[in-house]
Protein backbone atom coordinates (compact mmCIF):
# COMPACT_ATOMS: atom_id res chain seq x y z
CA MET A 1 -19.37 14.67 -90.17
CA SER A 2 -20.21 15.66 -87.04
CA GLU A 3 -23.36 18.12 -85.99
CA GLU A 4 -22.38 21.70 -85.43
CA LYS A 5 -22.64 22.62 -82.05
CA THR A 6 -23.68 25.69 -80.02
CA HIS A 7 -24.42 26.21 -76.22
CA PHE A 8 -27.68 26.40 -74.41
CA GLY A 9 -26.86 28.02 -71.40
CA TYR A 10 -23.60 26.02 -70.08
CA GLN A 11 -24.63 23.22 -71.94
CA SER A 12 -23.30 22.21 -75.75
CA VAL A 13 -25.93 21.17 -77.99
CA ASP A 14 -26.30 20.29 -81.56
CA ALA A 15 -26.77 23.60 -83.51
CA ASN A 16 -30.06 22.46 -85.13
CA ALA A 17 -31.77 21.42 -81.26
CA LYS A 18 -31.46 24.86 -79.64
CA ALA A 19 -34.48 26.68 -81.09
CA GLY A 20 -36.55 24.16 -79.87
CA LEU A 21 -35.06 23.73 -76.23
CA VAL A 22 -35.41 27.35 -76.22
CA GLY A 23 -39.00 26.78 -77.19
CA GLN A 24 -39.63 24.90 -73.97
CA VAL A 25 -38.72 27.52 -71.94
CA PHE A 26 -40.88 29.98 -73.23
CA ASP A 27 -43.62 27.50 -73.50
CA SER A 28 -43.18 26.98 -70.13
CA VAL A 29 -42.68 30.89 -68.82
CA ALA A 30 -45.17 32.65 -71.03
CA LEU A 31 -48.02 33.05 -68.65
CA LYS A 32 -45.60 34.04 -65.59
CA TYR A 33 -43.52 36.28 -68.15
CA ASP A 34 -44.71 39.48 -67.10
CA VAL A 35 -44.74 38.95 -63.31
CA MET A 36 -41.13 37.34 -63.74
CA ASN A 37 -40.02 40.35 -65.37
CA ASP A 38 -41.33 42.72 -62.64
CA LEU A 39 -39.88 40.64 -59.46
CA MET A 40 -36.29 39.68 -61.04
CA SER A 41 -35.57 43.25 -62.18
CA PHE A 42 -37.64 44.85 -59.19
CA GLY A 43 -39.44 46.56 -61.97
CA VAL A 44 -36.20 48.43 -63.40
CA HIS A 45 -37.03 46.43 -67.29
CA ARG A 46 -39.68 49.17 -67.33
CA ILE A 47 -36.93 51.91 -67.22
CA TRP A 48 -34.77 50.06 -69.56
CA LYS A 49 -37.33 49.93 -72.33
CA ARG A 50 -38.60 53.31 -71.87
CA PHE A 51 -35.34 54.42 -72.75
CA THR A 52 -35.08 52.49 -75.56
CA VAL A 53 -38.55 53.90 -76.86
CA GLN A 54 -36.81 57.16 -76.45
CA GLN A 55 -33.88 56.26 -78.48
CA SER A 56 -35.55 54.43 -81.28
CA GLY A 57 -36.32 58.05 -83.00
CA VAL A 58 -39.65 56.66 -83.62
CA ARG A 59 -42.13 58.83 -85.28
CA PRO A 60 -45.89 58.71 -86.39
CA GLY A 61 -45.85 57.00 -89.85
CA HIS A 62 -43.15 54.82 -89.22
CA ARG A 63 -43.00 51.24 -89.63
CA VAL A 64 -41.52 49.35 -86.87
CA LEU A 65 -40.37 45.57 -86.23
CA ASP A 66 -40.29 44.55 -82.58
CA ILE A 67 -38.37 40.88 -82.63
CA ALA A 68 -38.89 38.50 -79.74
CA GLY A 69 -41.45 40.87 -78.61
CA GLY A 70 -42.81 38.21 -76.11
CA THR A 71 -45.85 39.95 -74.44
CA GLY A 72 -45.47 43.25 -76.28
CA ASP A 73 -44.38 45.83 -73.95
CA LEU A 74 -42.26 47.61 -76.69
CA ALA A 75 -44.76 47.00 -79.09
CA ALA A 76 -47.42 48.48 -77.26
CA LYS A 77 -45.18 51.89 -76.69
CA PHE A 78 -44.10 51.75 -80.42
CA SER A 79 -47.86 51.46 -81.68
CA GLN A 80 -48.91 55.01 -80.18
CA ARG A 81 -45.51 56.56 -81.16
CA VAL A 82 -46.50 55.53 -84.95
CA GLY A 83 -50.11 56.67 -84.89
CA SER A 84 -52.95 56.00 -87.38
CA GLN A 85 -50.49 56.35 -90.18
CA GLY A 86 -47.89 53.74 -89.39
CA PHE A 87 -47.50 50.17 -88.28
CA VAL A 88 -46.07 48.06 -85.87
CA VAL A 89 -44.97 44.08 -86.20
CA LEU A 90 -44.57 42.13 -82.90
CA ALA A 91 -42.85 39.21 -84.36
CA ASP A 92 -41.89 36.10 -81.82
CA ILE A 93 -40.56 32.50 -82.78
CA ASN A 94 -42.69 30.86 -79.78
CA ALA A 95 -46.29 30.77 -80.58
CA SER A 96 -47.05 30.66 -76.44
CA MET A 97 -45.31 34.25 -75.99
CA LEU A 98 -47.14 35.17 -79.59
CA ASN A 99 -50.43 34.48 -78.24
CA THR A 100 -49.74 35.91 -74.75
CA GLY A 101 -48.52 39.42 -75.94
CA ARG A 102 -51.72 39.27 -78.71
CA ASN A 103 -54.28 38.46 -75.79
CA LYS A 104 -52.41 41.12 -73.53
CA MET A 105 -52.75 43.96 -76.52
CA LEU A 106 -55.96 42.98 -77.37
CA ASP A 107 -57.18 43.49 -73.19
CA ASN A 108 -55.17 46.81 -73.15
CA GLY A 109 -57.16 48.00 -76.39
CA VAL A 110 -54.33 47.89 -78.73
CA ILE A 111 -55.64 47.80 -82.22
CA GLY A 112 -55.40 48.85 -85.55
CA ASN A 113 -51.95 49.58 -86.43
CA ILE A 114 -50.28 46.52 -84.76
CA ASP A 115 -49.77 42.75 -86.80
CA TYR A 116 -48.40 39.53 -85.36
CA THR A 117 -46.03 37.32 -87.00
CA GLN A 118 -44.24 34.53 -85.80
CA ALA A 119 -41.02 34.37 -87.03
CA ASN A 120 -37.19 33.11 -86.62
CA ALA A 121 -34.80 36.52 -86.32
CA GLU A 122 -32.61 34.29 -88.50
CA ALA A 123 -34.83 34.27 -91.62
CA LEU A 124 -37.11 37.19 -91.24
CA PRO A 125 -40.25 37.11 -93.77
CA PHE A 126 -40.34 40.74 -94.95
CA GLU A 127 -38.92 42.28 -98.11
CA ASP A 128 -35.79 44.40 -98.01
CA ASP A 129 -35.75 47.94 -96.59
CA SER A 130 -39.15 47.27 -94.84
CA PHE A 131 -38.76 49.25 -91.46
CA ASP A 132 -37.63 52.36 -90.15
CA CYS A 133 -37.03 50.90 -86.75
CA ILE A 134 -35.65 47.26 -85.41
CA THR A 135 -35.64 46.12 -81.64
CA ILE A 136 -34.90 42.96 -80.15
CA ALA A 137 -34.81 43.16 -76.26
CA PHE A 138 -34.03 40.54 -73.94
CA GLY A 139 -33.72 37.95 -77.04
CA LEU A 140 -30.80 37.93 -78.73
CA ARG A 141 -29.01 35.97 -76.63
CA ASN A 142 -31.75 32.94 -77.26
CA VAL A 143 -30.63 33.16 -80.96
CA THR A 144 -28.50 30.37 -82.06
CA ASP A 145 -26.85 32.21 -85.13
CA LYS A 146 -26.55 35.93 -84.19
CA ASP A 147 -24.49 36.93 -86.87
CA GLN A 148 -27.00 35.67 -88.98
CA ALA A 149 -29.97 37.16 -87.24
CA LEU A 150 -28.04 40.45 -87.38
CA ALA A 151 -27.63 40.41 -91.06
CA SER A 152 -31.42 39.34 -91.46
CA MET A 153 -32.21 42.70 -89.73
CA ASN A 154 -30.24 44.70 -91.74
CA ARG A 155 -31.69 43.23 -94.66
CA VAL A 156 -35.31 43.82 -93.96
CA LEU A 157 -34.20 47.58 -92.56
CA LYS A 158 -34.74 50.69 -94.38
CA PRO A 159 -31.59 52.97 -95.37
CA GLY A 160 -31.30 55.37 -92.90
CA GLY A 161 -33.08 53.08 -90.14
CA ARG A 162 -31.81 51.96 -86.68
CA LEU A 163 -31.40 48.85 -84.98
CA LEU A 164 -31.88 48.84 -80.88
CA VAL A 165 -30.52 45.68 -79.05
CA LEU A 166 -31.62 45.73 -75.50
CA GLU A 167 -29.74 42.72 -73.68
CA PHE A 168 -28.28 41.59 -70.63
CA SER A 169 -24.69 42.23 -70.67
CA LYS A 170 -21.58 42.39 -68.37
CA PRO A 171 -21.34 44.39 -65.45
CA VAL A 172 -18.49 47.06 -65.40
CA LEU A 173 -17.86 47.03 -61.53
CA PRO A 174 -16.18 43.77 -60.32
CA LEU A 175 -18.55 44.30 -56.83
CA LEU A 176 -21.42 44.62 -58.83
CA SER A 177 -20.39 41.40 -60.77
CA LYS A 178 -20.10 39.39 -57.98
CA ALA A 179 -23.21 40.25 -56.08
CA TYR A 180 -25.21 40.08 -59.47
CA ASP A 181 -23.65 36.27 -59.96
CA ALA A 182 -24.73 35.42 -56.65
CA TYR A 183 -28.42 37.01 -57.26
CA SER A 184 -28.52 34.99 -60.63
CA PHE A 185 -27.83 31.62 -59.83
CA SER A 186 -29.40 31.36 -56.18
CA ALA A 187 -32.51 34.03 -56.49
CA LEU A 188 -33.50 33.48 -59.81
CA PRO A 189 -34.14 29.85 -60.05
CA MET A 190 -36.09 30.22 -56.48
CA MET A 191 -38.18 32.55 -57.61
CA GLY A 192 -38.64 30.59 -60.80
CA LYS A 193 -39.46 27.88 -58.75
CA LEU A 194 -42.20 29.75 -56.43
CA VAL A 195 -43.92 31.89 -58.92
CA ALA A 196 -43.71 30.04 -62.24
CA ASN A 197 -43.05 26.58 -60.92
CA ASP A 198 -40.04 26.17 -62.95
CA ALA A 199 -36.63 26.66 -61.33
CA GLN A 200 -34.98 24.80 -64.71
CA SER A 201 -35.90 27.91 -67.23
CA TYR A 202 -34.79 30.24 -65.30
CA ARG A 203 -31.57 28.79 -64.04
CA TYR A 204 -30.69 28.72 -68.11
CA LEU A 205 -31.92 32.36 -67.78
CA ALA A 206 -28.91 33.04 -65.84
CA GLU A 207 -26.50 30.53 -67.75
CA SER A 208 -27.60 32.29 -70.88
CA ILE A 209 -27.05 35.85 -69.69
CA ARG A 210 -23.17 34.49 -69.14
CA MET A 211 -22.74 33.29 -72.52
CA HIS A 212 -24.06 36.04 -74.66
CA PRO A 213 -21.18 38.38 -76.02
CA ASP A 214 -20.24 41.16 -73.82
CA GLN A 215 -20.95 44.98 -75.08
CA ASP A 216 -17.40 45.36 -77.16
CA THR A 217 -17.76 41.71 -78.65
CA LEU A 218 -21.62 42.76 -79.56
CA GLN A 219 -20.81 45.87 -81.06
CA GLN A 220 -18.15 44.32 -83.53
CA MET A 221 -20.63 41.58 -84.75
CA MET A 222 -23.07 44.30 -85.77
CA ASP A 223 -20.21 46.43 -87.48
CA SER A 224 -19.45 43.07 -89.19
CA ALA A 225 -22.83 42.54 -89.96
CA GLY A 226 -23.10 46.01 -92.10
CA PHE A 227 -24.36 48.51 -89.40
CA HIS A 228 -23.02 52.02 -89.13
CA LYS A 229 -22.02 54.31 -86.42
CA THR A 230 -22.62 51.30 -84.11
CA SER A 231 -22.69 52.22 -80.07
CA TYR A 232 -23.74 51.05 -76.86
CA HIS A 233 -24.94 52.51 -73.69
CA ASN A 234 -24.61 50.51 -70.23
CA LEU A 235 -27.50 50.81 -68.21
CA THR A 236 -27.71 49.94 -64.33
CA GLY A 237 -24.01 49.52 -64.28
CA GLY A 238 -23.63 47.04 -67.09
CA VAL A 239 -26.18 44.58 -66.05
CA VAL A 240 -28.41 45.54 -69.09
CA ALA A 241 -26.49 47.22 -72.38
CA LEU A 242 -28.52 49.07 -75.30
CA HIS A 243 -26.77 48.87 -78.37
CA LYS A 244 -27.23 51.22 -81.54
CA GLY A 245 -26.63 50.74 -85.40
CA TYR A 246 -27.60 52.23 -88.26
CA LYS A 247 -28.25 50.95 -91.65
CA VAL A 248 -26.88 53.20 -94.73
């Protein structure tokens, strides 16, 4: 019986090998992750994340799970919002990213209402109905089984809670799409080489974006995972989209 296949960028790989390959990418880029985010997006990623927090409905006392939380941009903002009576879990499958995020949070004085968990989005190690809000920013495209991950998120979300998926998507304007392709496959690997000494990881980044489901397909996947009133909002012409869904 042949191994089930999936994509790692444009490569076809055994499904059980993808997590390890993705892990190697983020082991390589963890220490330069924040610098590269600012360079690659010209700082606009901060606006995308601010919009996500605004759409979260998170209030004092809430429990928030930030999956693939990386260096903690969203988790830090949620920590302020939930206050001393609330709680935030920054989760990431990659130990290097999680350690980088923890160190950054400690350096910035973010303590007390935040915890760190190394976790696979496909099998979240939390009880049912645990969180008021779940976010995953620029992480879903790296997950091997996205349907299983969305179902796992639905399970640990409280009834009435919301999921927010911030992810690169498909530009809606043809000219923008062409310019974006040219930028992604030439400038990104070059910046990766110069700043992080790793062109290949940023070539994977560009490829993984192209292999990710488009806006409507991801919305349908969220519907199939049991989310209700799903919707999406295109940002920067669809270069990024914020998907939202609720658990009933």
